PDB file of N, CA and C in Angstrom:
ATOM      1  N   MET A   1      64.104 105.147 -52.515  1.00  0.00           N
ATOM      2  CA  MET A   1      65.177 105.872 -51.837  1.00  0.00           C
ATOM      3  C   MET A   1      65.967 104.902 -50.960  1.00  0.00           C
ATOM      4  N   THR A   2      67.280 104.984 -51.034  1.00  0.00           N
ATOM      5  CA  THR A   2      68.152 104.112 -50.259  1.00  0.00           C
ATOM      6  C   THR A   2      68.267 104.633 -48.827  1.00  0.00           C
ATOM      7  N   PRO A   3      68.111 103.741 -47.836  1.00  0.00           N
ATOM      8  CA  PRO A   3      68.240 104.194 -46.444  1.00  0.00           C
ATOM      9  C   PRO A   3      69.680 104.567 -46.118  1.00  0.00           C
ATOM     10  N   ASP A   4      69.858 105.447 -45.160  1.00  0.00           N
ATOM     11  CA  ASP A   4      71.189 105.874 -44.733  1.00  0.00           C
ATOM     12  C   ASP A   4      71.749 104.827 -43.772  1.00  0.00           C
ATOM     13  N   LEU A   5      72.577 103.945 -44.276  1.00  0.00           N
ATOM     14  CA  LEU A   5      73.108 102.859 -43.463  1.00  0.00           C
ATOM     15  C   LEU A   5      74.230 103.309 -42.532  1.00  0.00           C
ATOM     16  N   THR A   6      74.690 104.534 -42.674  1.00  0.00           N
ATOM     17  CA  THR A   6      75.727 105.023 -41.764  1.00  0.00           C
ATOM     18  C   THR A   6      75.188 105.128 -40.338  1.00  0.00           C
ATOM     19  N   LEU A   7      73.887 105.172 -40.194  1.00  0.00           N
ATOM     20  CA  LEU A   7      73.272 105.274 -38.876  1.00  0.00           C
ATOM     21  C   LEU A   7      73.013 103.911 -38.237  1.00  0.00           C
ATOM     22  N   VAL A   8      73.300 102.846 -38.970  1.00  0.00           N
ATOM     23  CA  VAL A   8      73.049 101.487 -38.496  1.00  0.00           C
ATOM     24  C   VAL A   8      74.362 100.882 -38.011  1.00  0.00           C
ATOM     25  N   SER A   9      74.333 100.280 -36.836  1.00  0.00           N
ATOM     26  CA  SER A   9      75.557  99.677 -36.295  1.00  0.00           C
ATOM     27  C   SER A   9      75.912  98.403 -37.052  1.00  0.00           C
ATOM     28  N   THR A  10      77.165  98.018 -36.960  1.00  0.00           N
ATOM     29  CA  THR A  10      77.613  96.779 -37.593  1.00  0.00           C
ATOM     30  C   THR A  10      76.832  95.594 -37.043  1.00  0.00           C
ATOM     31  N   THR A  11      76.596  95.584 -35.751  1.00  0.00           N
ATOM     32  CA  THR A  11      75.830  94.503 -35.130  1.00  0.00           C
ATOM     33  C   THR A  11      74.435  94.402 -35.733  1.00  0.00           C
ATOM     34  N   GLU A  12      73.778  95.539 -35.928  1.00  0.00           N
ATOM     35  CA  GLU A  12      72.436  95.534 -36.521  1.00  0.00           C
ATOM     36  C   GLU A  12      72.475  95.043 -37.965  1.00  0.00           C
ATOM     37  N   LEU A  13      73.489  95.444 -38.717  1.00  0.00           N
ATOM     38  CA  LEU A  13      73.625  94.982 -40.103  1.00  0.00           C
ATOM     39  C   LEU A  13      73.812  93.466 -40.165  1.00  0.00           C
ATOM     40  N   VAL A  14      74.696  92.953 -39.330  1.00  0.00           N
ATOM     41  CA  VAL A  14      74.954  91.516 -39.319  1.00  0.00           C
ATOM     42  C   VAL A  14      73.718  90.752 -38.856  1.00  0.00           C
ATOM     43  N   ASP A  15      73.012  91.281 -37.863  1.00  0.00           N
ATOM     44  CA  ASP A  15      71.772  90.644 -37.402  1.00  0.00           C
ATOM     45  C   ASP A  15      70.740  90.563 -38.524  1.00  0.00           C
ATOM     46  N   GLU A  16      70.627  91.612 -39.319  1.00  0.00           N
ATOM     47  CA  GLU A  16      69.677  91.619 -40.433  1.00  0.00           C
ATOM     48  C   GLU A  16      70.080  90.606 -41.501  1.00  0.00           C
ATOM     49  N   ILE A  17      71.355  90.543 -41.819  1.00  0.00           N
ATOM     50  CA  ILE A  17      71.827  89.548 -42.786  1.00  0.00           C
ATOM     51  C   ILE A  17      71.512  88.147 -42.264  1.00  0.00           C
ATOM     52  N   SER A  18      71.729  87.937 -40.990  1.00  0.00           N
ATOM     53  CA  SER A  18      71.479  86.630 -40.379  1.00  0.00           C
ATOM     54  C   SER A  18      70.022  86.200 -40.538  1.00  0.00           C
ATOM     55  N   ARG A  19      69.110  87.139 -40.445  1.00  0.00           N
ATOM     56  CA  ARG A  19      67.683  86.828 -40.612  1.00  0.00           C
ATOM     57  C   ARG A  19      67.339  86.468 -42.058  1.00  0.00           C
ATOM     58  N   ARG A  20      68.120  86.936 -43.007  1.00  0.00           N
ATOM     59  CA  ARG A  20      67.804  86.759 -44.428  1.00  0.00           C
ATOM     60  C   ARG A  20      68.391  85.500 -45.059  1.00  0.00           C
ATOM     61  N   VAL A  21      69.389  84.903 -44.423  1.00  0.00           N
ATOM     62  CA  VAL A  21      70.083  83.770 -45.043  1.00  0.00           C
ATOM     63  C   VAL A  21      70.126  82.577 -44.093  1.00  0.00           C
ATOM     64  N   ASP A  22      70.423  81.412 -44.658  1.00  0.00           N
ATOM     65  CA  ASP A  22      70.528  80.193 -43.851  1.00  0.00           C
ATOM     66  C   ASP A  22      71.919  80.021 -43.247  1.00  0.00           C
ATOM     67  N   ALA A  23      72.927  80.495 -43.949  1.00  0.00           N
ATOM     68  CA  ALA A  23      74.308  80.376 -43.458  1.00  0.00           C
ATOM     69  C   ALA A  23      75.126  81.540 -44.004  1.00  0.00           C
ATOM     70  N   PHE A  24      76.070  82.038 -43.207  1.00  0.00           N
ATOM     71  CA  PHE A  24      76.955  83.111 -43.670  1.00  0.00           C
ATOM     72  C   PHE A  24      78.213  83.165 -42.821  1.00  0.00           C
ATOM     73  N   VAL A  25      79.233  83.819 -43.375  1.00  0.00           N
ATOM     74  CA  VAL A  25      80.479  84.093 -42.665  1.00  0.00           C
ATOM     75  C   VAL A  25      80.776  85.569 -42.868  1.00  0.00           C
ATOM     76  N   PHE A  26      81.054  86.271 -41.786  1.00  0.00           N
ATOM     77  CA  PHE A  26      81.379  87.694 -41.851  1.00  0.00           C
ATOM     78  C   PHE A  26      82.664  87.914 -41.062  1.00  0.00           C
ATOM     79  N   ILE A  27      83.623  88.563 -41.698  1.00  0.00           N
ATOM     80  CA  ILE A  27      84.854  88.923 -40.999  1.00  0.00           C
ATOM     81  C   ILE A  27      85.264  90.310 -41.477  1.00  0.00           C
ATOM     82  N   ALA A  28      85.640  91.145 -40.544  1.00  0.00           N
ATOM     83  CA  ALA A  28      86.033  92.513 -40.885  1.00  0.00           C
ATOM     84  C   ALA A  28      87.206  92.929 -39.993  1.00  0.00           C
ATOM     85  N   TYR A  29      88.042  93.779 -40.544  1.00  0.00           N
ATOM     86  CA  TYR A  29      89.211  94.295 -39.838  1.00  0.00           C
ATOM     87  C   TYR A  29      89.121  95.812 -39.819  1.00  0.00           C
ATOM     88  N   GLN A  30      89.371  96.388 -38.662  1.00  0.00           N
ATOM     89  CA  GLN A  30      89.364  97.845 -38.550  1.00  0.00           C
ATOM     90  C   GLN A  30      90.665  98.286 -37.878  1.00  0.00           C
ATOM     91  N   ASP A  31      91.456  99.080 -38.603  1.00  0.00           N
ATOM     92  CA  ASP A  31      92.703  99.616 -38.075  1.00  0.00           C
ATOM     93  C   ASP A  31      92.352 100.859 -37.266  1.00  0.00           C
ATOM     94  N   ARG A  32      92.466 100.768 -35.955  1.00  0.00           N
ATOM     95  CA  ARG A  32      92.073 101.885 -35.089  1.00  0.00           C
ATOM     96  C   ARG A  32      93.223 102.840 -34.800  1.00  0.00           C
ATOM     97  N   SER A  33      94.428 102.329 -34.788  1.00  0.00           N
ATOM     98  CA  SER A  33      95.619 103.157 -34.582  1.00  0.00           C
ATOM     99  C   SER A  33      96.834 102.287 -34.894  1.00  0.00           C
ATOM    100  N   LYS A  34      98.018 102.842 -34.708  1.00  0.00           N
ATOM    101  CA  LYS A  34      99.226 102.072 -34.986  1.00  0.00           C
ATOM    102  C   LYS A  34      99.377 100.883 -34.037  1.00  0.00           C
ATOM    103  N   LYS A  35      98.715 100.947 -32.886  1.00  0.00           N
ATOM    104  CA  LYS A  35      98.863  99.897 -31.883  1.00  0.00           C
ATOM    105  C   LYS A  35      97.578  99.134 -31.593  1.00  0.00           C
ATOM    106  N   SER A  36      96.502  99.467 -32.275  1.00  0.00           N
ATOM    107  CA  SER A  36      95.219  98.861 -31.947  1.00  0.00           C
ATOM    108  C   SER A  36      94.406  98.559 -33.205  1.00  0.00           C
ATOM    109  N   TYR A  37      93.715  97.447 -33.169  1.00  0.00           N
ATOM    110  CA  TYR A  37      92.826  97.090 -34.274  1.00  0.00           C
ATOM    111  C   TYR A  37      91.643  96.293 -33.722  1.00  0.00           C
ATOM    112  N   ALA A  38      90.619  96.176 -34.525  1.00  0.00           N
ATOM    113  CA  ALA A  38      89.450  95.371 -34.167  1.00  0.00           C
ATOM    114  C   ALA A  38      89.235  94.329 -35.251  1.00  0.00           C
ATOM    115  N   LEU A  39      88.933  93.141 -34.837  1.00  0.00           N
ATOM    116  CA  LEU A  39      88.598  92.065 -35.749  1.00  0.00           C
ATOM    117  C   LEU A  39      87.202  91.586 -35.367  1.00  0.00           C
ATOM    118  N   ILE A  40      86.289  91.698 -36.306  1.00  0.00           N
ATOM    119  CA  ILE A  40      84.900  91.324 -36.061  1.00  0.00           C
ATOM    120  C   ILE A  40      84.622  90.050 -36.856  1.00  0.00           C
ATOM    121  N   THR A  41      84.184  89.010 -36.180  1.00  0.00           N
ATOM    122  CA  THR A  41      83.839  87.770 -36.857  1.00  0.00           C
ATOM    123  C   THR A  41      82.477  87.286 -36.376  1.00  0.00           C
ATOM    124  N   GLU A  42      81.641  86.949 -37.305  1.00  0.00           N
ATOM    125  CA  GLU A  42      80.318  86.387 -37.011  1.00  0.00           C
ATOM    126  C   GLU A  42      80.036  85.314 -38.047  1.00  0.00           C
ATOM    127  N   PHE A  43      79.311  84.303 -37.659  1.00  0.00           N
ATOM    128  CA  PHE A  43      78.898  83.290 -38.617  1.00  0.00           C
ATOM    129  C   PHE A  43      77.605  82.640 -38.158  1.00  0.00           C
ATOM    130  N   LYS A  44      76.948  82.024 -39.119  1.00  0.00           N
ATOM    131  CA  LYS A  44      75.698  81.315 -38.848  1.00  0.00           C
ATOM    132  C   LYS A  44      75.681  80.072 -39.726  1.00  0.00           C
ATOM    133  N   GLY A  45      75.279  78.964 -39.159  1.00  0.00           N
ATOM    134  CA  GLY A  45      75.175  77.725 -39.902  1.00  0.00           C
ATOM    135  C   GLY A  45      75.906  76.613 -39.198  1.00  0.00           C
ATOM    136  N   SER A  46      75.806  75.433 -39.773  1.00  0.00           N
ATOM    137  CA  SER A  46      76.522  74.284 -39.213  1.00  0.00           C
ATOM    138  C   SER A  46      78.014  74.451 -39.487  1.00  0.00           C
ATOM    139  N   ALA A  47      78.802  73.655 -38.808  1.00  0.00           N
ATOM    140  CA  ALA A  47      80.250  73.696 -39.021  1.00  0.00           C
ATOM    141  C   ALA A  47      80.571  73.429 -40.495  1.00  0.00           C
ATOM    142  N   LEU A  48      79.890  72.468 -41.086  1.00  0.00           N
ATOM    143  CA  LEU A  48      80.131  72.133 -42.490  1.00  0.00           C
ATOM    144  C   LEU A  48      79.794  73.315 -43.409  1.00  0.00           C
ATOM    145  N   GLU A  49      78.685  73.995 -43.151  1.00  0.00           N
ATOM    146  CA  GLU A  49      78.303  75.152 -43.977  1.00  0.00           C
ATOM    147  C   GLU A  49      79.307  76.286 -43.831  1.00  0.00           C
ATOM    148  N   VAL A  50      79.700  76.574 -42.600  1.00  0.00           N
ATOM    149  CA  VAL A  50      80.626  77.682 -42.340  1.00  0.00           C
ATOM    150  C   VAL A  50      81.999  77.392 -42.956  1.00  0.00           C
ATOM    151  N   ILE A  51      82.491  76.181 -42.788  1.00  0.00           N
ATOM    152  CA  ILE A  51      83.779  75.815 -43.387  1.00  0.00           C
ATOM    153  C   ILE A  51      83.675  75.841 -44.905  1.00  0.00           C
ATOM    154  N   GLY A  52      82.576  75.314 -45.448  1.00  0.00           N
ATOM    155  CA  GLY A  52      82.383  75.325 -46.900  1.00  0.00           C
ATOM    156  C   GLY A  52      82.346  76.734 -47.462  1.00  0.00           C
ATOM    157  N   LEU A  53      81.612  77.632 -46.817  1.00  0.00           N
ATOM    158  CA  LEU A  53      81.557  79.026 -47.273  1.00  0.00           C
ATOM    159  C   LEU A  53      82.929  79.682 -47.190  1.00  0.00           C
ATOM    160  N   SER A  54      83.657  79.395 -46.116  1.00  0.00           N
ATOM    161  CA  SER A  54      84.998  79.971 -45.961  1.00  0.00           C
ATOM    162  C   SER A  54      85.931  79.490 -47.069  1.00  0.00           C
ATOM    163  N   GLU A  55      85.866  78.218 -47.414  1.00  0.00           N
ATOM    164  CA  GLU A  55      86.690  77.674 -48.486  1.00  0.00           C
ATOM    165  C   GLU A  55      86.293  78.271 -49.837  1.00  0.00           C
ATOM    166  N   MET A  56      84.989  78.440 -50.062  1.00  0.00           N
ATOM    167  CA  MET A  56      84.529  79.052 -51.314  1.00  0.00           C
ATOM    168  C   MET A  56      85.059  80.477 -51.428  1.00  0.00           C
ATOM    169  N   LEU A  57      85.017  81.216 -50.331  1.00  0.00           N
ATOM    170  CA  LEU A  57      85.528  82.586 -50.338  1.00  0.00           C
ATOM    171  C   LEU A  57      87.023  82.606 -50.614  1.00  0.00           C
ATOM    172  N   LYS A  58      87.745  81.716 -49.983  1.00  0.00           N
ATOM    173  CA  LYS A  58      89.195  81.630 -50.204  1.00  0.00           C
ATOM    174  C   LYS A  58      89.496  81.383 -51.683  1.00  0.00           C
ATOM    175  N   ASP A  59      88.762  80.453 -52.300  1.00  0.00           N
ATOM    176  CA  ASP A  59      88.963  80.163 -53.714  1.00  0.00           C
ATOM    177  C   ASP A  59      88.657  81.371 -54.591  1.00  0.00           C
ATOM    178  N   ARG A  60      87.580  82.086 -54.285  1.00  0.00           N
ATOM    179  CA  ARG A  60      87.211  83.271 -55.078  1.00  0.00           C
ATOM    180  C   ARG A  60      88.254  84.371 -54.951  1.00  0.00           C
ATOM    181  N   VAL A  61      88.759  84.577 -53.749  1.00  0.00           N
ATOM    182  CA  VAL A  61      89.780  85.606 -53.544  1.00  0.00           C
ATOM    183  C   VAL A  61      91.036  85.246 -54.328  1.00  0.00           C
ATOM    184  N   LYS A  62      91.431  83.979 -54.298  1.00  0.00           N
ATOM    185  CA  LYS A  62      92.601  83.547 -55.064  1.00  0.00           C
ATOM    186  C   LYS A  62      92.418  83.834 -56.551  1.00  0.00           C
ATOM    187  N   LYS A  63      91.222  83.553 -57.077  1.00  0.00           N
ATOM    188  CA  LYS A  63      90.959  83.805 -58.494  1.00  0.00           C
ATOM    189  C   LYS A  63      91.051  85.293 -58.820  1.00  0.00           C
ATOM    190  N   VAL A  64      90.504  86.133 -57.961  1.00  0.00           N
ATOM    191  CA  VAL A  64      90.543  87.575 -58.201  1.00  0.00           C
ATOM    192  C   VAL A  64      91.977  88.080 -58.141  1.00  0.00           C
ATOM    193  N   VAL A  65      92.727  87.650 -57.147  1.00  0.00           N
ATOM    194  CA  VAL A  65      94.118  88.095 -56.998  1.00  0.00           C
ATOM    195  C   VAL A  65      94.938  87.623 -58.191  1.00  0.00           C
ATOM    196  N   THR A  66      94.761  86.377 -58.600  1.00  0.00           N
ATOM    197  CA  THR A  66      95.486  85.845 -59.754  1.00  0.00           C
ATOM    198  C   THR A  66      95.117  86.611 -61.014  1.00  0.00           C
ATOM    199  N   SER A  67      93.837  86.878 -61.196  1.00  0.00           N
ATOM    200  CA  SER A  67      93.372  87.625 -62.367  1.00  0.00           C
ATOM    201  C   SER A  67      93.957  89.039 -62.375  1.00  0.00           C
ATOM    202  N   ASN A  68      93.967  89.700 -61.224  1.00  0.00           N
ATOM    203  CA  ASN A  68      94.531  91.053 -61.129  1.00  0.00           C
ATOM    204  C   ASN A  68      96.027  91.050 -61.398  1.00  0.00           C
ATOM    205  N   ASP A  69      96.724  90.023 -60.915  1.00  0.00           N
ATOM    206  CA  ASP A  69      98.172  89.919 -61.166  1.00  0.00           C
ATOM    207  C   ASP A  69      98.444  89.751 -62.658  1.00  0.00           C
ATOM    208  N   GLU A  70      97.639  88.924 -63.335  1.00  0.00           N
ATOM    209  CA  GLU A  70      97.826  88.707 -64.765  1.00  0.00           C
ATOM    210  C   GLU A  70      97.522  89.981 -65.559  1.00  0.00           C
ATOM    211  N   THR A  71      96.497  90.715 -65.143  1.00  0.00           N
ATOM    212  CA  THR A  71      96.139  91.965 -65.814  1.00  0.00           C
ATOM    213  C   THR A  71      97.253  92.998 -65.635  1.00  0.00           C
ATOM    214  N   ALA A  72      97.831  93.059 -64.448  1.00  0.00           N
ATOM    215  CA  ALA A  72      98.923  94.010 -64.188  1.00  0.00           C
ATOM    216  C   ALA A  72     100.143  93.685 -65.030  1.00  0.00           C
ATOM    217  N   GLU A  73     100.413  92.379 -65.202  1.00  0.00           N
ATOM    218  CA  GLU A  73     101.557  91.975 -66.031  1.00  0.00           C
ATOM    219  C   GLU A  73     101.322  92.345 -67.490  1.00  0.00           C
ATOM    220  N   GLU A  74     100.097  92.188 -67.974  1.00  0.00           N
ATOM    221  CA  GLU A  74      99.776  92.556 -69.354  1.00  0.00           C
ATOM    222  C   GLU A  74      99.919  94.053 -69.566  1.00  0.00           C
ATOM    223  N   ASP A  75      99.520  94.853 -68.561  1.00  0.00           N
ATOM    224  CA  ASP A  75      99.624  96.309 -68.664  1.00  0.00           C
ATOM    225  C   ASP A  75     101.075  96.758 -68.731  1.00  0.00           C
ATOM    226  N   GLU A  76     101.963  96.010 -68.056  1.00  0.00           N
ATOM    227  CA  GLU A  76     103.376  96.369 -68.033  1.00  0.00           C
ATOM    228  C   GLU A  76     104.051  96.071 -69.373  1.00  0.00           C
ATOM    229  N   SER A  77     103.469  95.166 -70.143  1.00  0.00           N
ATOM    230  CA  SER A  77     104.086  94.767 -71.427  1.00  0.00           C
ATOM    231  C   SER A  77     103.927  95.821 -72.484  1.00  0.00           C
TER     232      SER A  77
END
């Protein structure tokens, strides 16, 4: 049975992830209203690990966005 994670705070979730891995980067955005937002950032690891993970994520996002753009163009044809 899957636990109900809605009862777990973001801080507790990030703390648990931190215990399970050697290095990680977490960033989240929450739109609270038209004039307010929250940006949550946490990381663990050396500067080199954190920068490396961030660059890897950037590359993966670019690939997904590029792939989605190409798929959308094919659908339009």
